[in-house]
Amino acid sequence: MLKQIALGTASNPARHGYDGNTRLINCYAEKAGPEGKIQWPIYASDGLTDFATLNGGGAVRAMFSTYTDLYVVSGRLLFRVTPSGAVFALGGVPTDGPVYMAQNSREAGHEIGVASDGFFGIIQNNKFLQYQDSALRGPSSISVIDGYAITSAANGYWQVSGQNNMRSWDALETANAESYPDEIARTFVHEREIMFFGSESIEWWQNTGSADFSFARVTTKQIGCASGSSVARIGETVCWIDHDNQVRARTGYNG
C-alpha cells in the first residue's frame, strides 16, 4: 500500500516540537503550479563551507571585490583573499568605525582607496600603505566617479582627487554639502551622479567638466540617513535607513 508523504515547503518549526518541526536543509521548494505532477518539488542546493580563515583579525568590517581578488578588513587588519582561498595580510587599519573602499581606473595599477574615521590608505599592486597629505581632509567615506575619488570629511565637506590618482589632492578641490547643516554619513555613486547622504538631507551632484570645479549640485531632498553603512544599490534602486529608522528605496530623485 502506497501512502503519500507530505513534505514541508519551508523551514517553519512550530513553537513546540510535537506541533511540527519542518526544516529544509540544503534544499528548497519551488512551486510548479497545478500542471505539475508535484506542485511543490524540492530541489537540492549546495551547503556552505569555510572558504578562508583570516587569522588575527576580528569582525568583518568591509569587503571589496575586484576582478582577481577580495580585500577584507577584519578587525583592524586588511587581508587579500585570492579565488583559491589563499590569505595574505597587507597591513593595519587603525580605526574601529565603518570602513569604505573604492577603486579607480589608473592604467599603471588600479588604486583602491580605504577610508575610515579620518584614516586613508591605498592598495596598489597588492601592497597597502597609509597615505597622508596636508591637503587631504580626514576622509570618513570614499567613492569613485569618472576616475575621481570623492571623500567625505567633517563639517559637511567633501573633496575630489586628481583623475585616477589617489595620491593627488588639492585643498581647493573641496566643496560643502551645505543645503542643510548636517554631516555627510556616506558618499555613494549611482548612475552618473554622486550622492551625499547626510544626517538630515541627501544631495545629488554631477560632473559638469567645468574648468574651475568639475562638479555641480543637481538637487537636494530633506531626507536623512541614519547610517552610511545602510546605503546599498539593488538594480537601479538605492536603499538606505533614513533619519526616522525607516527603510527608503528611491529610483532617481523621486520614490
C-alpha atoms as a PDB file:
ATOM      1  CA  MET A   1       0.000   0.000   0.000  1.00  0.00           C
ATOM      2  CA  LEU A   2       1.384   3.344  -1.020  1.00  0.00           C
ATOM      3  CA  LYS A   3       0.978   6.288   1.298  1.00  0.00           C
ATOM      4  CA  GLN A   4       1.579   9.863   0.267  1.00  0.00           C
ATOM      5  CA  ILE A   5       4.089  11.728   2.437  1.00  0.00           C
ATOM      6  CA  ALA A   6       3.574  15.461   2.854  1.00  0.00           C
ATOM      7  CA  LEU A   7       6.944  17.236   2.735  1.00  0.00           C
ATOM      8  CA  GLY A   8       7.299  20.727   4.093  1.00  0.00           C
ATOM      9  CA  THR A   9       7.780  23.622   1.699  1.00  0.00           C
ATOM     10  CA  ALA A  10       9.600  25.930   4.119  1.00  0.00           C
ATOM     11  CA  SER A  11      11.613  25.900   7.327  1.00  0.00           C
ATOM     12  CA  ASN A  12       8.838  26.657   9.761  1.00  0.00           C
ATOM     13  CA  PRO A  13       9.214  24.766  13.071  1.00  0.00           C
ATOM     14  CA  ALA A  14       6.329  25.137  15.498  1.00  0.00           C
ATOM     15  CA  ARG A  15       6.664  26.529  18.995  1.00  0.00           C
ATOM     16  CA  HIS A  16       6.515  23.009  20.416  1.00  0.00           C
ATOM     17  CA  GLY A  17       8.249  20.068  18.755  1.00  0.00           C
ATOM     18  CA  TYR A  18       5.178  17.881  18.664  1.00  0.00           C
ATOM     19  CA  ASP A  19       3.256  20.592  16.756  1.00  0.00           C
ATOM     20  CA  GLY A  20       5.602  20.230  13.816  1.00  0.00           C
ATOM     21  CA  ASN A  21       9.292  20.539  13.112  1.00  0.00           C
ATOM     22  CA  THR A  22       9.568  21.155   9.372  1.00  0.00           C
ATOM     23  CA  ARG A  23      13.029  22.226   8.217  1.00  0.00           C
ATOM     24  CA  LEU A  24      14.593  22.344   4.767  1.00  0.00           C
ATOM     25  CA  ILE A  25      18.349  21.785   4.954  1.00  0.00           C
ATOM     26  CA  ASN A  26      20.463  22.222   1.804  1.00  0.00           C
ATOM     27  CA  CYS A  27      17.332  22.227  -0.346  1.00  0.00           C
ATOM     28  CA  TYR A  28      14.452  24.475  -1.343  1.00  0.00           C
ATOM     29  CA  ALA A  29      10.890  24.135  -2.584  1.00  0.00           C
ATOM     30  CA  GLU A  30       9.811  25.716  -5.864  1.00  0.00           C
ATOM     31  CA  LYS A  31       6.190  25.964  -6.953  1.00  0.00           C
ATOM     32  CA  ALA A  32       5.498  24.073 -10.181  1.00  0.00           C
ATOM     33  CA  GLY A  33       1.825  25.001 -10.379  1.00  0.00           C
ATOM     34  CA  PRO A  34      -1.283  22.825 -10.745  1.00  0.00           C
ATOM     35  CA  GLU A  35       0.027  21.402 -14.030  1.00  0.00           C
ATOM     36  CA  GLY A  36       2.971  19.741 -12.332  1.00  0.00           C
ATOM     37  CA  LYS A  37       2.938  16.157 -11.178  1.00  0.00           C
ATOM     38  CA  ILE A  38       4.127  17.579  -7.875  1.00  0.00           C
ATOM     39  CA  GLN A  39       3.061  21.142  -7.152  1.00  0.00           C
ATOM     40  CA  TRP A  40       5.961  21.842  -4.776  1.00  0.00           C
ATOM     41  CA  PRO A  41       9.042  19.853  -5.909  1.00  0.00           C
ATOM     42  CA  ILE A  42      12.088  20.110  -3.639  1.00  0.00           C
ATOM     43  CA  TYR A  43      15.488  20.688  -5.199  1.00  0.00           C
ATOM     44  CA  ALA A  44      18.862  20.139  -3.596  1.00  0.00           C
ATOM     45  CA  SER A  45      21.236  23.062  -3.081  1.00  0.00           C
ATOM     46  CA  ASP A  46      24.845  23.043  -2.026  1.00  0.00           C
ATOM     47  CA  GLY A  47      25.570  23.831   1.582  1.00  0.00           C
ATOM     48  CA  LEU A  48      28.139  26.331   2.838  1.00  0.00           C
ATOM     49  CA  THR A  49      31.715  25.528   3.698  1.00  0.00           C
ATOM     50  CA  ASP A  50      34.651  27.508   5.030  1.00  0.00           C
ATOM     51  CA  PHE A  51      36.486  29.316   2.234  1.00  0.00           C
ATOM     52  CA  ALA A  52      39.221  31.266   4.022  1.00  0.00           C
ATOM     53  CA  THR A  53      40.370  31.995   7.573  1.00  0.00           C
ATOM     54  CA  LEU A  54      41.536  35.496   8.495  1.00  0.00           C
ATOM     55  CA  ASN A  55      43.923  34.774  11.340  1.00  0.00           C
ATOM     56  CA  GLY A  56      44.430  37.554  13.866  1.00  0.00           C
ATOM     57  CA  GLY A  57      41.549  39.623  12.571  1.00  0.00           C
ATOM     58  CA  GLY A  58      38.108  40.010  14.089  1.00  0.00           C
ATOM     59  CA  ALA A  59      34.661  41.030  12.958  1.00  0.00           C
ATOM     60  CA  VAL A  60      34.462  41.697   9.216  1.00  0.00           C
ATOM     61  CA  ARG A  61      34.091  45.452   8.761  1.00  0.00           C
ATOM     62  CA  ALA A  62      34.299  45.756   4.969  1.00  0.00           C
ATOM     63  CA  MET A  63      34.815  43.720   1.806  1.00  0.00           C
ATOM     64  CA  PHE A  64      35.738  44.866  -1.678  1.00  0.00           C
ATOM     65  CA  SER A  65      35.855  42.581  -4.713  1.00  0.00           C
ATOM     66  CA  THR A  66      37.994  43.140  -7.814  1.00  0.00           C
ATOM     67  CA  TYR A  67      38.333  41.012 -10.940  1.00  0.00           C
ATOM     68  CA  THR A  68      41.072  38.984  -9.293  1.00  0.00           C
ATOM     69  CA  ASP A  69      40.903  39.282  -5.500  1.00  0.00           C
ATOM     70  CA  LEU A  70      38.789  40.048  -2.466  1.00  0.00           C
ATOM     71  CA  TYR A  71      40.018  42.628   0.044  1.00  0.00           C
ATOM     72  CA  VAL A  72      38.649  42.279   3.557  1.00  0.00           C
ATOM     73  CA  VAL A  73      39.030  44.471   6.622  1.00  0.00           C
ATOM     74  CA  SER A  74      38.734  42.122   9.582  1.00  0.00           C
ATOM     75  CA  GLY A  75      39.113  43.779  12.953  1.00  0.00           C
ATOM     76  CA  ARG A  76      41.996  46.189  12.466  1.00  0.00           C
ATOM     77  CA  LEU A  77      43.714  44.182   9.745  1.00  0.00           C
ATOM     78  CA  LEU A  78      43.410  44.275   5.960  1.00  0.00           C
ATOM     79  CA  PHE A  79      43.643  40.977   4.070  1.00  0.00           C
ATOM     80  CA  ARG A  80      43.818  39.952   0.413  1.00  0.00           C
ATOM     81  CA  VAL A  81      41.952  36.741  -0.390  1.00  0.00           C
ATOM     82  CA  THR A  82      42.588  35.010  -3.720  1.00  0.00           C
ATOM     83  CA  PRO A  83      39.998  32.942  -5.655  1.00  0.00           C
ATOM     84  CA  SER A  84      41.662  29.781  -4.324  1.00  0.00           C
ATOM     85  CA  GLY A  85      41.155  30.903  -0.724  1.00  0.00           C
ATOM     86  CA  ALA A  86      44.773  31.887  -0.045  1.00  0.00           C
ATOM     87  CA  VAL A  87      45.006  34.725   2.504  1.00  0.00           C
ATOM     88  CA  PHE A  88      47.638  37.469   2.715  1.00  0.00           C
ATOM     89  CA  ALA A  89      47.782  40.102   5.461  1.00  0.00           C
ATOM     90  CA  LEU A  90      48.518  43.519   3.908  1.00  0.00           C
ATOM     91  CA  GLY A  91      48.541  45.872   6.879  1.00  0.00           C
ATOM     92  CA  GLY A  92      46.502  47.593   9.547  1.00  0.00           C
ATOM     93  CA  VAL A  93      43.516  49.940   9.627  1.00  0.00           C
ATOM     94  CA  PRO A  94      43.837  51.758  12.982  1.00  0.00           C
ATOM     95  CA  THR A  95      40.163  52.636  13.439  1.00  0.00           C
ATOM     96  CA  ASP A  96      37.048  50.985  14.794  1.00  0.00           C
ATOM     97  CA  GLY A  97      34.301  52.718  12.776  1.00  0.00           C
ATOM     98  CA  PRO A  98      32.826  51.942   9.342  1.00  0.00           C
ATOM     99  CA  VAL A  99      35.285  51.253   6.510  1.00  0.00           C
ATOM    100  CA  TYR A 100      34.660  52.144   2.864  1.00  0.00           C
ATOM    101  CA  MET A 101      36.667  51.162  -0.218  1.00  0.00           C
ATOM    102  CA  ALA A 102      36.553  52.269  -3.855  1.00  0.00           C
ATOM    103  CA  GLN A 103      38.713  51.661  -6.933  1.00  0.00           C
ATOM    104  CA  ASN A 104      39.768  53.967  -9.756  1.00  0.00           C
ATOM    105  CA  SER A 105      40.921  53.092 -13.306  1.00  0.00           C
ATOM    106  CA  ARG A 106      44.577  54.065 -13.096  1.00  0.00           C
ATOM    107  CA  GLU A 107      46.405  52.394 -16.006  1.00  0.00           C
ATOM    108  CA  ALA A 108      49.622  51.693 -14.088  1.00  0.00           C
ATOM    109  CA  GLY A 109      47.906  49.577 -11.444  1.00  0.00           C
ATOM    110  CA  HIS A 110      44.445  50.374 -10.142  1.00  0.00           C
ATOM    111  CA  GLU A 111      44.308  52.168  -6.808  1.00  0.00           C
ATOM    112  CA  ILE A 112      41.833  51.127  -4.134  1.00  0.00           C
ATOM    113  CA  GLY A 113      41.218  53.803  -1.536  1.00  0.00           C
ATOM    114  CA  VAL A 114      40.413  52.767   2.042  1.00  0.00           C
ATOM    115  CA  ALA A 115      38.688  55.419   4.184  1.00  0.00           C
ATOM    116  CA  SER A 116      37.637  55.177   7.822  1.00  0.00           C
ATOM    117  CA  ASP A 117      37.276  57.776  10.586  1.00  0.00           C
ATOM    118  CA  GLY A 118      39.914  60.100   9.135  1.00  0.00           C
ATOM    119  CA  PHE A 119      42.285  57.320   8.082  1.00  0.00           C
ATOM    120  CA  PHE A 120      43.168  56.978   4.404  1.00  0.00           C
ATOM    121  CA  GLY A 121      45.121  54.148   2.823  1.00  0.00           C
ATOM    122  CA  ILE A 122      45.813  52.996  -0.730  1.00  0.00           C
ATOM    123  CA  ILE A 123      46.005  49.437  -2.053  1.00  0.00           C
ATOM    124  CA  GLN A 124      48.026  49.144  -5.249  1.00  0.00           C
ATOM    125  CA  ASN A 125      49.745  46.124  -6.773  1.00  0.00           C
ATOM    126  CA  ASN A 126      48.760  44.100  -3.684  1.00  0.00           C
ATOM    127  CA  LYS A 127      50.569  46.493  -1.360  1.00  0.00           C
ATOM    128  CA  PHE A 128      48.864  48.659   1.240  1.00  0.00           C
ATOM    129  CA  LEU A 129      50.105  51.883   2.774  1.00  0.00           C
ATOM    130  CA  GLN A 130      48.704  54.731   4.788  1.00  0.00           C
ATOM    131  CA  TYR A 131      48.594  57.949   2.794  1.00  0.00           C
ATOM    132  CA  GLN A 132      48.953  61.319   4.494  1.00  0.00           C
ATOM    133  CA  ASP A 133      48.702  64.697   2.803  1.00  0.00           C
ATOM    134  CA  SER A 134      48.214  68.094   4.424  1.00  0.00           C
ATOM    135  CA  ALA A 135      45.809  68.978   1.595  1.00  0.00           C
ATOM    136  CA  LEU A 136      43.579  65.983   2.279  1.00  0.00           C
ATOM    137  CA  ARG A 137      40.849  66.392   4.884  1.00  0.00           C
ATOM    138  CA  GLY A 138      40.453  63.297   7.063  1.00  0.00           C
ATOM    139  CA  PRO A 139      38.158  61.011   4.995  1.00  0.00           C
ATOM    140  CA  SER A 140      35.157  59.259   6.505  1.00  0.00           C
ATOM    141  CA  SER A 141      33.981  57.562   3.286  1.00  0.00           C
ATOM    142  CA  ILE A 142      35.042  57.256  -0.348  1.00  0.00           C
ATOM    143  CA  SER A 143      33.514  56.690  -3.790  1.00  0.00           C
ATOM    144  CA  VAL A 144      34.874  56.944  -7.331  1.00  0.00           C
ATOM    145  CA  ILE A 145      33.165  58.566 -10.314  1.00  0.00           C
ATOM    146  CA  ASP A 146      34.777  59.227 -13.720  1.00  0.00           C
ATOM    147  CA  GLY A 147      38.138  58.278 -12.196  1.00  0.00           C
ATOM    148  CA  TYR A 148      37.873  60.903  -9.439  1.00  0.00           C
ATOM    149  CA  ALA A 149      37.987  59.734  -5.839  1.00  0.00           C
ATOM    150  CA  ILE A 150      35.374  61.548  -3.770  1.00  0.00           C
ATOM    151  CA  THR A 151      35.932  61.580   0.000  1.00  0.00           C
ATOM    152  CA  SER A 152      33.686  62.963   2.718  1.00  0.00           C
ATOM    153  CA  ALA A 153      35.046  64.811   5.742  1.00  0.00           C
ATOM    154  CA  ALA A 154      33.845  66.599   8.867  1.00  0.00           C
ATOM    155  CA  ASN A 155      31.502  69.617   8.852  1.00  0.00           C
ATOM    156  CA  GLY A 156      29.768  68.600   5.627  1.00  0.00           C
ATOM    157  CA  TYR A 157      32.852  68.911   3.428  1.00  0.00           C
ATOM    158  CA  TRP A 158      33.869  66.615   0.582  1.00  0.00           C
ATOM    159  CA  GLN A 159      36.935  66.555  -1.617  1.00  0.00           C
ATOM    160  CA  VAL A 160      37.986  65.482  -5.122  1.00  0.00           C
ATOM    161  CA  SER A 161      41.268  63.752  -6.012  1.00  0.00           C
ATOM    162  CA  GLY A 162      43.178  64.039  -9.236  1.00  0.00           C
ATOM    163  CA  GLN A 163      41.683  61.901 -12.002  1.00  0.00           C
ATOM    164  CA  ASN A 164      42.797  58.301 -11.489  1.00  0.00           C
ATOM    165  CA  ASN A 165      45.330  59.489  -8.920  1.00  0.00           C
ATOM    166  CA  MET A 166      44.543  58.997  -5.243  1.00  0.00           C
ATOM    167  CA  ARG A 167      47.926  60.498  -4.367  1.00  0.00           C
ATOM    168  CA  SER A 168      46.951  63.872  -5.810  1.00  0.00           C
ATOM    169  CA  TRP A 169      44.864  66.177  -3.594  1.00  0.00           C
ATOM    170  CA  ASP A 170      44.306  69.916  -3.758  1.00  0.00           C
ATOM    171  CA  ALA A 171      42.956  71.789  -0.744  1.00  0.00           C
ATOM    172  CA  LEU A 172      40.941  73.962  -3.156  1.00  0.00           C
ATOM    173  CA  GLU A 173      39.228  70.969  -4.801  1.00  0.00           C
ATOM    174  CA  THR A 174      36.753  70.910  -1.929  1.00  0.00           C
ATOM    175  CA  ALA A 175      33.035  71.585  -1.691  1.00  0.00           C
ATOM    176  CA  ASN A 176      30.405  71.643   1.012  1.00  0.00           C
ATOM    177  CA  ALA A 177      27.085  69.818   1.061  1.00  0.00           C
ATOM    178  CA  GLU A 178      25.512  72.912   2.531  1.00  0.00           C
ATOM    179  CA  SER A 179      21.811  72.756   1.682  1.00  0.00           C
ATOM    180  CA  TYR A 180      21.292  71.629   5.262  1.00  0.00           C
ATOM    181  CA  PRO A 181      23.809  71.985   8.120  1.00  0.00           C
ATOM    182  CA  ASP A 182      24.412  68.275   8.614  1.00  0.00           C
ATOM    183  CA  GLU A 183      27.324  65.856   8.467  1.00  0.00           C
ATOM    184  CA  ILE A 184      27.916  63.591   5.461  1.00  0.00           C
ATOM    185  CA  ALA A 185      27.367  59.990   6.503  1.00  0.00           C
ATOM    186  CA  ARG A 186      28.331  58.496   3.134  1.00  0.00           C
ATOM    187  CA  THR A 187      29.330  59.318  -0.423  1.00  0.00           C
ATOM    188  CA  PHE A 188      27.714  56.995  -2.948  1.00  0.00           C
ATOM    189  CA  VAL A 189      27.854  56.803  -6.738  1.00  0.00           C
ATOM    190  CA  HIS A 190      24.685  55.899  -8.625  1.00  0.00           C
ATOM    191  CA  GLU A 191      24.378  56.061 -12.396  1.00  0.00           C
ATOM    192  CA  ARG A 192      26.247  59.249 -13.427  1.00  0.00           C
ATOM    193  CA  GLU A 193      25.885  61.106 -10.158  1.00  0.00           C
ATOM    194  CA  ILE A 194      27.484  61.267  -6.747  1.00  0.00           C
ATOM    195  CA  MET A 195      25.083  61.187  -3.805  1.00  0.00           C
ATOM    196  CA  PHE A 196      25.917  62.672  -0.413  1.00  0.00           C
ATOM    197  CA  PHE A 197      23.891  61.113   2.370  1.00  0.00           C
ATOM    198  CA  GLY A 198      23.704  63.431   5.351  1.00  0.00           C
ATOM    199  CA  SER A 199      22.045  63.040   8.719  1.00  0.00           C
ATOM    200  CA  GLU A 200      19.187  65.296   7.561  1.00  0.00           C
ATOM    201  CA  SER A 201      19.465  65.541   3.775  1.00  0.00           C
ATOM    202  CA  ILE A 202      20.654  63.993   0.513  1.00  0.00           C
ATOM    203  CA  GLU A 203      22.368  65.922  -2.272  1.00  0.00           C
ATOM    204  CA  TRP A 204      22.969  64.831  -5.877  1.00  0.00           C
ATOM    205  CA  TRP A 205      25.979  66.241  -7.766  1.00  0.00           C
ATOM    206  CA  GLN A 206      27.186  65.724 -11.351  1.00  0.00           C
ATOM    207  CA  ASN A 207      30.498  66.035 -13.138  1.00  0.00           C
ATOM    208  CA  THR A 208      29.980  69.016 -15.454  1.00  0.00           C
ATOM    209  CA  GLY A 209      33.589  69.225 -16.658  1.00  0.00           C
ATOM    210  CA  SER A 210      33.915  72.824 -15.539  1.00  0.00           C
ATOM    211  CA  ALA A 211      37.488  74.157 -15.526  1.00  0.00           C
ATOM    212  CA  ASP A 212      37.213  75.754 -12.076  1.00  0.00           C
ATOM    213  CA  PHE A 213      35.495  72.868 -10.275  1.00  0.00           C
ATOM    214  CA  SER A 214      34.280  69.753 -12.068  1.00  0.00           C
ATOM    215  CA  PHE A 215      31.118  69.121 -10.033  1.00  0.00           C
ATOM    216  CA  ALA A 216      27.844  70.973  -9.595  1.00  0.00           C
ATOM    217  CA  ARG A 217      24.844  70.246  -7.416  1.00  0.00           C
ATOM    218  CA  VAL A 218      21.721  68.946  -9.169  1.00  0.00           C
ATOM    219  CA  THR A 219      19.130  68.755  -6.402  1.00  0.00           C
ATOM    220  CA  THR A 220      18.558  68.169  -2.698  1.00  0.00           C
ATOM    221  CA  LYS A 221      15.975  66.248  -0.688  1.00  0.00           C
ATOM    222  CA  GLN A 222      15.302  66.720   3.008  1.00  0.00           C
ATOM    223  CA  ILE A 223      15.601  63.027   3.821  1.00  0.00           C
ATOM    224  CA  GLY A 224      18.326  61.949   6.229  1.00  0.00           C
ATOM    225  CA  CYS A 225      20.396  58.819   6.634  1.00  0.00           C
ATOM    226  CA  ALA A 226      20.782  57.057   9.975  1.00  0.00           C
ATOM    227  CA  SER A 227      23.907  55.130   8.948  1.00  0.00           C
ATOM    228  CA  GLY A 228      26.176  55.357   5.933  1.00  0.00           C
ATOM    229  CA  SER A 229      26.692  51.602   6.132  1.00  0.00           C
ATOM    230  CA  SER A 230      22.995  51.055   5.357  1.00  0.00           C
ATOM    231  CA  VAL A 231      23.252  52.523   1.834  1.00  0.00           C
ATOM    232  CA  ALA A 232      23.055  49.886  -0.895  1.00  0.00           C
ATOM    233  CA  ARG A 233      22.073  49.567  -4.544  1.00  0.00           C
ATOM    234  CA  ILE A 234      19.645  46.935  -5.801  1.00  0.00           C
ATOM    235  CA  GLY A 235      19.465  47.151  -9.564  1.00  0.00           C
ATOM    236  CA  GLU A 236      18.561  50.751 -10.357  1.00  0.00           C
ATOM    237  CA  THR A 237      17.221  51.415  -6.869  1.00  0.00           C
ATOM    238  CA  VAL A 238      19.170  52.907  -3.959  1.00  0.00           C
ATOM    239  CA  CYS A 239      18.102  51.801  -0.475  1.00  0.00           C
ATOM    240  CA  TRP A 240      19.052  53.086   2.964  1.00  0.00           C
ATOM    241  CA  ILE A 241      17.828  53.588   6.545  1.00  0.00           C
ATOM    242  CA  ASP A 242      16.536  57.143   6.898  1.00  0.00           C
ATOM    243  CA  HIS A 243      16.640  59.526   9.862  1.00  0.00           C
ATOM    244  CA  ASP A 244      13.383  58.008  11.204  1.00  0.00           C
ATOM    245  CA  ASN A 245      14.893  54.493  11.049  1.00  0.00           C
ATOM    246  CA  GLN A 246      12.627  53.585   8.135  1.00  0.00           C
ATOM    247  CA  VAL A 247      13.827  51.758   5.022  1.00  0.00           C
ATOM    248  CA  ARG A 248      13.860  54.032   1.983  1.00  0.00           C
ATOM    249  CA  ALA A 249      14.028  52.909  -1.653  1.00  0.00           C
ATOM    250  CA  ARG A 250      14.496  55.506  -4.363  1.00  0.00           C
ATOM    251  CA  THR A 251      14.988  55.438  -8.126  1.00  0.00           C
ATOM    252  CA  GLY A 252      16.195  58.793  -9.417  1.00  0.00           C
ATOM    253  CA  TYR A 253      15.147  61.794  -7.373  1.00  0.00           C
ATOM    254  CA  ASN A 254      11.677  60.538  -6.528  1.00  0.00           C
ATOM    255  CA  GLY A 255      10.118  57.450  -4.993  1.00  0.00           C
END
